[in-house]
Amino acid sequence: MDFLFAGPNLVFSVALALLSLLVLLELGMGGGLTEFLDTLIPDIDADAGSAGSDSMPSKLLSWVRAGKVPTLMLLAIFLGVFGAGGLLLQWLSSLYGPGLLPALLAAPLMLVLAMPLVRMFAGLLGDLLPRDETQVLSQEALVGRTAVIVIGSARRNAPAQAKLRDEFGTSHYVMVEPLHDQDVLEQGQQVRLMVREGGRYRAVRAGLPALENEQ
């Protein structure tokens, strides 16, 4: 117990405590926490994030395979790998090295070491999760659907993130720009995806006539 609560190890012990709390909350909410986190956290679609997003958070989420597993599972993997790996690192350092590493050194080091493992485990679990019809929807199939801008305001060459829910109840997060260069699509607005360009979509405000697609 002294090892767990030693100052340099607290950050790793707290990570494992948060993991335990998430598990208890998920069990108590009957799966509701997963849906709640998927709503609040930008769980970017893997294809859209890797192909079309220029932001570092989007690229990182795509790299750790956020589109393959639920947000809660990805967070749990990170907390488990970071917490357990950090304690293992400190134990080995105390056993064979100079002693416990300072938290300001151990935590960033473990963060760097953890991310490839998070990516690997997320990929393995994503392959094991049951697949259904929602996972065969192509990105082209999203064209013509209505989404809501959830993060940022979309301008030409400055995309914003939008969310749409398909007929199977699956949420998709995509990067959108306005169809017309002079338009601005504000956060909270409903938009209609008109054209796919790489990993991004050109969109208009929902309710505008189809001829808006003509340029």
C-alpha atoms as a PDB file:
ATOM      1  CA  MET A   1       0.000   0.000   0.000  1.00  0.00           C
ATOM      2  CA  ASP A   2       2.881   2.355   0.736  1.00  0.00           C
ATOM      3  CA  PHE A   3       4.085   1.776  -2.822  1.00  0.00           C
ATOM      4  CA  LEU A   4       0.685   2.674  -4.303  1.00  0.00           C
ATOM      5  CA  PHE A   5       0.365   5.878  -2.310  1.00  0.00           C
ATOM      6  CA  ALA A   6       3.970   7.029  -2.671  1.00  0.00           C
ATOM      7  CA  GLY A   7       4.097  10.509  -4.137  1.00  0.00           C
ATOM      8  CA  PRO A   8       5.713   9.588  -7.486  1.00  0.00           C
ATOM      9  CA  ASN A   9       3.137   6.798  -7.958  1.00  0.00           C
ATOM     10  CA  LEU A  10      -0.036   8.727  -7.147  1.00  0.00           C
ATOM     11  CA  VAL A  11      -0.776   9.659 -10.763  1.00  0.00           C
ATOM     12  CA  PHE A  12      -0.793   5.978 -11.745  1.00  0.00           C
ATOM     13  CA  SER A  13      -2.841   4.900  -8.733  1.00  0.00           C
ATOM     14  CA  VAL A  14      -5.390   7.622  -9.478  1.00  0.00           C
ATOM     15  CA  ALA A  15      -5.638   6.363 -13.074  1.00  0.00           C
ATOM     16  CA  LEU A  16      -6.486   2.860 -11.833  1.00  0.00           C
ATOM     17  CA  ALA A  17      -8.973   4.292  -9.336  1.00  0.00           C
ATOM     18  CA  LEU A  18     -10.698   6.198 -12.156  1.00  0.00           C
ATOM     19  CA  LEU A  19     -10.826   2.985 -14.171  1.00  0.00           C
ATOM     20  CA  SER A  20     -12.558   1.216 -11.293  1.00  0.00           C
ATOM     21  CA  LEU A  21     -15.003   4.104 -10.939  1.00  0.00           C
ATOM     22  CA  LEU A  22     -15.849   3.987 -14.651  1.00  0.00           C
ATOM     23  CA  VAL A  23     -16.544   0.258 -14.439  1.00  0.00           C
ATOM     24  CA  LEU A  24     -18.845   0.745 -11.440  1.00  0.00           C
ATOM     25  CA  LEU A  25     -20.685   3.621 -13.114  1.00  0.00           C
ATOM     26  CA  GLU A  26     -21.147   1.639 -16.311  1.00  0.00           C
ATOM     27  CA  LEU A  27     -22.552  -1.316 -14.392  1.00  0.00           C
ATOM     28  CA  GLY A  28     -24.819   0.955 -12.379  1.00  0.00           C
ATOM     29  CA  MET A  29     -26.110   2.794 -15.427  1.00  0.00           C
ATOM     30  CA  GLY A  30     -26.705  -0.359 -17.412  1.00  0.00           C
ATOM     31  CA  GLY A  31     -24.614   0.771 -20.361  1.00  0.00           C
ATOM     32  CA  GLY A  32     -25.836   4.355 -20.271  1.00  0.00           C
ATOM     33  CA  LEU A  33     -22.375   5.760 -19.565  1.00  0.00           C
ATOM     34  CA  THR A  34     -21.104   4.493 -22.905  1.00  0.00           C
ATOM     35  CA  GLU A  35     -23.816   6.357 -24.823  1.00  0.00           C
ATOM     36  CA  PHE A  36     -23.325   9.457 -22.662  1.00  0.00           C
ATOM     37  CA  LEU A  37     -19.587   9.617 -23.368  1.00  0.00           C
ATOM     38  CA  ASP A  38     -20.111   8.954 -27.062  1.00  0.00           C
ATOM     39  CA  THR A  39     -22.352  12.035 -27.104  1.00  0.00           C
ATOM     40  CA  LEU A  40     -19.974  14.361 -25.238  1.00  0.00           C
ATOM     41  CA  ILE A  41     -16.607  13.200 -26.529  1.00  0.00           C
ATOM     42  CA  PRO A  42     -15.762  13.560 -30.211  1.00  0.00           C
ATOM     43  CA  ASP A  43     -15.436   9.905 -31.121  1.00  0.00           C
ATOM     44  CA  ILE A  44     -14.353  10.619 -34.668  1.00  0.00           C
ATOM     45  CA  ASP A  45     -15.128   8.183 -37.418  1.00  0.00           C
ATOM     46  CA  ALA A  46     -11.873   6.375 -38.240  1.00  0.00           C
ATOM     47  CA  ASP A  47     -12.035   6.918 -42.010  1.00  0.00           C
ATOM     48  CA  ALA A  48     -12.987  10.584 -41.744  1.00  0.00           C
ATOM     49  CA  GLY A  49     -10.413  11.325 -39.050  1.00  0.00           C
ATOM     50  CA  SER A  50      -7.515   9.682 -40.826  1.00  0.00           C
ATOM     51  CA  ALA A  51      -8.333  11.033 -44.224  1.00  0.00           C
ATOM     52  CA  GLY A  52      -9.700  14.512 -43.719  1.00  0.00           C
ATOM     53  CA  SER A  53      -9.120  16.072 -40.307  1.00  0.00           C
ATOM     54  CA  ASP A  54      -6.222  18.473 -39.833  1.00  0.00           C
ATOM     55  CA  SER A  55      -6.582  18.934 -36.052  1.00  0.00           C
ATOM     56  CA  MET A  56      -4.234  17.138 -33.701  1.00  0.00           C
ATOM     57  CA  PRO A  57      -7.031  15.736 -31.464  1.00  0.00           C
ATOM     58  CA  SER A  58      -8.749  14.280 -34.527  1.00  0.00           C
ATOM     59  CA  LYS A  59      -5.527  12.756 -35.818  1.00  0.00           C
ATOM     60  CA  LEU A  60      -4.739  11.284 -32.385  1.00  0.00           C
ATOM     61  CA  LEU A  61      -8.224   9.806 -32.001  1.00  0.00           C
ATOM     62  CA  SER A  62      -7.969   8.306 -35.446  1.00  0.00           C
ATOM     63  CA  TRP A  63      -4.491   6.905 -34.730  1.00  0.00           C
ATOM     64  CA  VAL A  64      -5.649   5.124 -31.557  1.00  0.00           C
ATOM     65  CA  ARG A  65      -8.540   3.622 -33.565  1.00  0.00           C
ATOM     66  CA  ALA A  66     -11.312   5.597 -31.879  1.00  0.00           C
ATOM     67  CA  GLY A  67     -13.712   4.611 -34.639  1.00  0.00           C
ATOM     68  CA  LYS A  68     -13.334   0.904 -33.906  1.00  0.00           C
ATOM     69  CA  VAL A  69     -14.300   0.850 -30.207  1.00  0.00           C
ATOM     70  CA  PRO A  70     -16.681   2.874 -27.995  1.00  0.00           C
ATOM     71  CA  THR A  71     -15.240   5.941 -26.290  1.00  0.00           C
ATOM     72  CA  LEU A  72     -15.663   4.388 -22.838  1.00  0.00           C
ATOM     73  CA  MET A  73     -13.696   1.305 -23.857  1.00  0.00           C
ATOM     74  CA  LEU A  74     -10.918   3.426 -25.335  1.00  0.00           C
ATOM     75  CA  LEU A  75     -10.725   5.486 -22.141  1.00  0.00           C
ATOM     76  CA  ALA A  76     -10.677   2.332 -20.016  1.00  0.00           C
ATOM     77  CA  ILE A  77      -7.845   0.880 -22.095  1.00  0.00           C
ATOM     78  CA  PHE A  78      -5.823   4.059 -21.669  1.00  0.00           C
ATOM     79  CA  LEU A  79      -6.363   4.268 -17.907  1.00  0.00           C
ATOM     80  CA  GLY A  80      -5.502   0.593 -17.445  1.00  0.00           C
ATOM     81  CA  VAL A  81      -2.363   0.697 -19.574  1.00  0.00           C
ATOM     82  CA  PHE A  82      -1.180   4.025 -18.147  1.00  0.00           C
ATOM     83  CA  GLY A  83      -1.907   3.127 -14.512  1.00  0.00           C
ATOM     84  CA  ALA A  84      -0.672  -0.469 -14.452  1.00  0.00           C
ATOM     85  CA  GLY A  85       2.235   0.251 -16.782  1.00  0.00           C
ATOM     86  CA  GLY A  86       3.324   3.220 -14.701  1.00  0.00           C
ATOM     87  CA  LEU A  87       3.334   1.207 -11.480  1.00  0.00           C
ATOM     88  CA  LEU A  88       5.284  -1.553 -13.225  1.00  0.00           C
ATOM     89  CA  LEU A  89       7.780   1.014 -14.495  1.00  0.00           C
ATOM     90  CA  GLN A  90       8.229   2.421 -10.987  1.00  0.00           C
ATOM     91  CA  TRP A  91       8.577  -1.041  -9.465  1.00  0.00           C
ATOM     92  CA  LEU A  92      11.301  -1.979 -11.944  1.00  0.00           C
ATOM     93  CA  SER A  93      13.045   1.347 -11.368  1.00  0.00           C
ATOM     94  CA  SER A  94      12.991   0.852  -7.604  1.00  0.00           C
ATOM     95  CA  LEU A  95      14.184  -2.742  -7.955  1.00  0.00           C
ATOM     96  CA  TYR A  96      16.894  -2.390 -10.587  1.00  0.00           C
ATOM     97  CA  GLY A  97      17.399   1.342 -10.965  1.00  0.00           C
ATOM     98  CA  PRO A  98      17.958   4.420  -8.836  1.00  0.00           C
ATOM     99  CA  GLY A  99      14.586   4.172  -7.064  1.00  0.00           C
ATOM    100  CA  LEU A 100      11.210   5.695  -7.792  1.00  0.00           C
ATOM    101  CA  LEU A 101      11.316   8.111 -10.689  1.00  0.00           C
ATOM    102  CA  PRO A 102       9.903  11.617 -10.090  1.00  0.00           C
ATOM    103  CA  ALA A 103       6.297  11.894 -11.216  1.00  0.00           C
ATOM    104  CA  LEU A 104       7.218  14.694 -13.650  1.00  0.00           C
ATOM    105  CA  LEU A 105       9.514  12.224 -15.421  1.00  0.00           C
ATOM    106  CA  ALA A 106       7.595   8.959 -14.990  1.00  0.00           C
ATOM    107  CA  ALA A 107       4.182  10.243 -16.118  1.00  0.00           C
ATOM    108  CA  PRO A 108       5.264  11.723 -19.491  1.00  0.00           C
ATOM    109  CA  LEU A 109       7.475   8.700 -20.143  1.00  0.00           C
ATOM    110  CA  MET A 110       4.597   6.319 -19.457  1.00  0.00           C
ATOM    111  CA  LEU A 111       2.261   8.431 -21.585  1.00  0.00           C
ATOM    112  CA  VAL A 112       4.582   7.994 -24.569  1.00  0.00           C
ATOM    113  CA  LEU A 113       4.941   4.270 -23.901  1.00  0.00           C
ATOM    114  CA  ALA A 114       1.196   3.788 -23.357  1.00  0.00           C
ATOM    115  CA  MET A 115      -0.156   5.243 -26.599  1.00  0.00           C
ATOM    116  CA  PRO A 116       1.157   2.500 -28.944  1.00  0.00           C
ATOM    117  CA  LEU A 117      -0.237  -0.113 -26.540  1.00  0.00           C
ATOM    118  CA  VAL A 118      -3.601   1.667 -26.441  1.00  0.00           C
ATOM    119  CA  ARG A 119      -3.669   1.623 -30.232  1.00  0.00           C
ATOM    120  CA  MET A 120      -2.790  -2.073 -30.337  1.00  0.00           C
ATOM    121  CA  PHE A 121      -5.354  -3.143 -27.735  1.00  0.00           C
ATOM    122  CA  ALA A 122      -8.078  -0.948 -29.266  1.00  0.00           C
ATOM    123  CA  GLY A 123      -7.425  -2.576 -32.636  1.00  0.00           C
ATOM    124  CA  LEU A 124      -7.551  -6.078 -31.181  1.00  0.00           C
ATOM    125  CA  LEU A 125     -10.762  -5.400 -29.261  1.00  0.00           C
ATOM    126  CA  GLY A 126     -12.302  -3.686 -32.271  1.00  0.00           C
ATOM    127  CA  ASP A 127     -11.708  -6.830 -34.310  1.00  0.00           C
ATOM    128  CA  LEU A 128     -13.345  -8.950 -31.608  1.00  0.00           C
ATOM    129  CA  LEU A 129     -16.445  -6.791 -31.187  1.00  0.00           C
ATOM    130  CA  PRO A 130     -19.534  -8.100 -32.985  1.00  0.00           C
ATOM    131  CA  ARG A 131     -20.115  -6.400 -36.303  1.00  0.00           C
ATOM    132  CA  ASP A 132     -23.522  -5.498 -37.674  1.00  0.00           C
ATOM    133  CA  GLU A 133     -25.042  -3.715 -40.632  1.00  0.00           C
ATOM    134  CA  THR A 134     -24.003  -0.300 -39.359  1.00  0.00           C
ATOM    135  CA  GLN A 135     -20.355  -1.117 -39.944  1.00  0.00           C
ATOM    136  CA  VAL A 136     -20.740  -1.737 -43.661  1.00  0.00           C
ATOM    137  CA  LEU A 137     -22.097   1.737 -44.405  1.00  0.00           C
ATOM    138  CA  SER A 138     -19.655   3.448 -46.753  1.00  0.00           C
ATOM    139  CA  GLN A 139     -18.673   7.056 -46.328  1.00  0.00           C
ATOM    140  CA  GLU A 140     -20.412   7.773 -49.633  1.00  0.00           C
ATOM    141  CA  ALA A 141     -23.672   6.518 -48.087  1.00  0.00           C
ATOM    142  CA  LEU A 142     -23.621   9.518 -45.729  1.00  0.00           C
ATOM    143  CA  VAL A 143     -24.053  11.971 -48.610  1.00  0.00           C
ATOM    144  CA  GLY A 144     -27.555  13.439 -48.554  1.00  0.00           C
ATOM    145  CA  ARG A 145     -28.038  12.864 -44.820  1.00  0.00           C
ATOM    146  CA  THR A 146     -28.610  15.513 -42.180  1.00  0.00           C
ATOM    147  CA  ALA A 147     -26.036  16.179 -39.466  1.00  0.00           C
ATOM    148  CA  VAL A 148     -25.580  18.694 -36.643  1.00  0.00           C
ATOM    149  CA  ILE A 149     -22.464  20.847 -36.204  1.00  0.00           C
ATOM    150  CA  VAL A 150     -21.148  19.886 -32.766  1.00  0.00           C
ATOM    151  CA  ILE A 151     -17.669  21.440 -32.603  1.00  0.00           C
ATOM    152  CA  GLY A 152     -16.645  24.739 -34.178  1.00  0.00           C
ATOM    153  CA  SER A 153     -17.964  26.776 -37.086  1.00  0.00           C
ATOM    154  CA  ALA A 154     -17.394  25.526 -40.629  1.00  0.00           C
ATOM    155  CA  ARG A 155     -15.843  27.865 -43.190  1.00  0.00           C
ATOM    156  CA  ARG A 156     -14.058  27.203 -46.448  1.00  0.00           C
ATOM    157  CA  ASN A 157     -10.731  25.470 -45.632  1.00  0.00           C
ATOM    158  CA  ALA A 158     -11.674  25.535 -41.933  1.00  0.00           C
ATOM    159  CA  PRO A 159     -13.853  22.446 -41.328  1.00  0.00           C
ATOM    160  CA  ALA A 160     -15.980  21.820 -38.261  1.00  0.00           C
ATOM    161  CA  GLN A 161     -17.065  18.523 -36.782  1.00  0.00           C
ATOM    162  CA  ALA A 162     -20.629  17.341 -37.331  1.00  0.00           C
ATOM    163  CA  LYS A 163     -22.536  14.385 -35.935  1.00  0.00           C
ATOM    164  CA  LEU A 164     -25.256  12.341 -37.548  1.00  0.00           C
ATOM    165  CA  ARG A 165     -27.113   9.232 -36.449  1.00  0.00           C
ATOM    166  CA  ASP A 166     -28.011   6.641 -39.053  1.00  0.00           C
ATOM    167  CA  GLU A 167     -31.121   4.483 -39.239  1.00  0.00           C
ATOM    168  CA  PHE A 168     -29.421   1.794 -37.163  1.00  0.00           C
ATOM    169  CA  GLY A 169     -28.777   4.184 -34.266  1.00  0.00           C
ATOM    170  CA  THR A 170     -25.028   4.478 -34.893  1.00  0.00           C
ATOM    171  CA  SER A 171     -23.418   7.908 -34.531  1.00  0.00           C
ATOM    172  CA  HIS A 172     -21.017   9.144 -37.205  1.00  0.00           C
ATOM    173  CA  TYR A 173     -18.665  12.086 -36.731  1.00  0.00           C
ATOM    174  CA  VAL A 174     -17.548  13.827 -39.908  1.00  0.00           C
ATOM    175  CA  MET A 175     -15.655  16.958 -40.863  1.00  0.00           C
ATOM    176  CA  VAL A 176     -17.653  19.432 -42.945  1.00  0.00           C
ATOM    177  CA  GLU A 177     -17.084  22.633 -44.895  1.00  0.00           C
ATOM    178  CA  PRO A 178     -19.761  24.826 -46.493  1.00  0.00           C
ATOM    179  CA  LEU A 179     -20.666  23.995 -50.070  1.00  0.00           C
ATOM    180  CA  HIS A 180     -20.451  27.668 -51.011  1.00  0.00           C
ATOM    181  CA  ASP A 181     -17.273  29.518 -50.102  1.00  0.00           C
ATOM    182  CA  GLN A 182     -19.084  32.526 -48.645  1.00  0.00           C
ATOM    183  CA  ASP A 183     -21.258  30.493 -46.256  1.00  0.00           C
ATOM    184  CA  VAL A 184     -20.573  29.839 -42.574  1.00  0.00           C
ATOM    185  CA  LEU A 185     -22.125  26.846 -40.808  1.00  0.00           C
ATOM    186  CA  GLU A 186     -22.410  27.594 -37.100  1.00  0.00           C
ATOM    187  CA  GLN A 187     -22.249  25.191 -34.166  1.00  0.00           C
ATOM    188  CA  GLY A 188     -25.674  23.739 -33.413  1.00  0.00           C
ATOM    189  CA  GLN A 189     -26.996  24.149 -36.964  1.00  0.00           C
ATOM    190  CA  GLN A 190     -28.425  21.233 -38.900  1.00  0.00           C
ATOM    191  CA  VAL A 191     -26.665  20.701 -42.210  1.00  0.00           C
ATOM    192  CA  ARG A 192     -27.166  18.438 -45.198  1.00  0.00           C
ATOM    193  CA  LEU A 193     -24.099  16.612 -46.538  1.00  0.00           C
ATOM    194  CA  MET A 194     -23.999  17.290 -50.270  1.00  0.00           C
ATOM    195  CA  VAL A 195     -20.616  16.188 -51.615  1.00  0.00           C
ATOM    196  CA  ARG A 196     -17.763  14.112 -50.256  1.00  0.00           C
ATOM    197  CA  GLU A 197     -14.249  15.374 -50.955  1.00  0.00           C
ATOM    198  CA  GLY A 198     -11.668  12.968 -49.557  1.00  0.00           C
ATOM    199  CA  GLY A 199     -12.376  12.674 -45.857  1.00  0.00           C
ATOM    200  CA  ARG A 200     -14.472  15.853 -45.688  1.00  0.00           C
ATOM    201  CA  TYR A 201     -17.984  16.752 -46.773  1.00  0.00           C
ATOM    202  CA  ARG A 202     -19.304  19.929 -48.344  1.00  0.00           C
ATOM    203  CA  ALA A 203     -22.630  20.817 -46.733  1.00  0.00           C
ATOM    204  CA  VAL A 204     -25.480  23.318 -46.780  1.00  0.00           C
ATOM    205  CA  ARG A 205     -27.857  24.358 -44.040  1.00  0.00           C
ATOM    206  CA  ALA A 206     -30.655  21.803 -43.757  1.00  0.00           C
ATOM    207  CA  GLY A 207     -33.855  22.883 -45.474  1.00  0.00           C
ATOM    208  CA  LEU A 208     -32.196  24.586 -48.429  1.00  0.00           C
ATOM    209  CA  PRO A 209     -33.343  23.296 -51.844  1.00  0.00           C
ATOM    210  CA  ALA A 210     -31.355  20.660 -53.706  1.00  0.00           C
ATOM    211  CA  LEU A 211     -30.295  23.159 -56.369  1.00  0.00           C
ATOM    212  CA  GLU A 212     -27.892  24.595 -53.772  1.00  0.00           C
ATOM    213  CA  ASN A 213     -25.624  21.763 -54.884  1.00  0.00           C
ATOM    214  CA  GLU A 214     -25.162  23.408 -58.237  1.00  0.00           C
ATOM    215  CA  GLN A 215     -22.277  25.785 -58.623  1.00  0.00           C
END
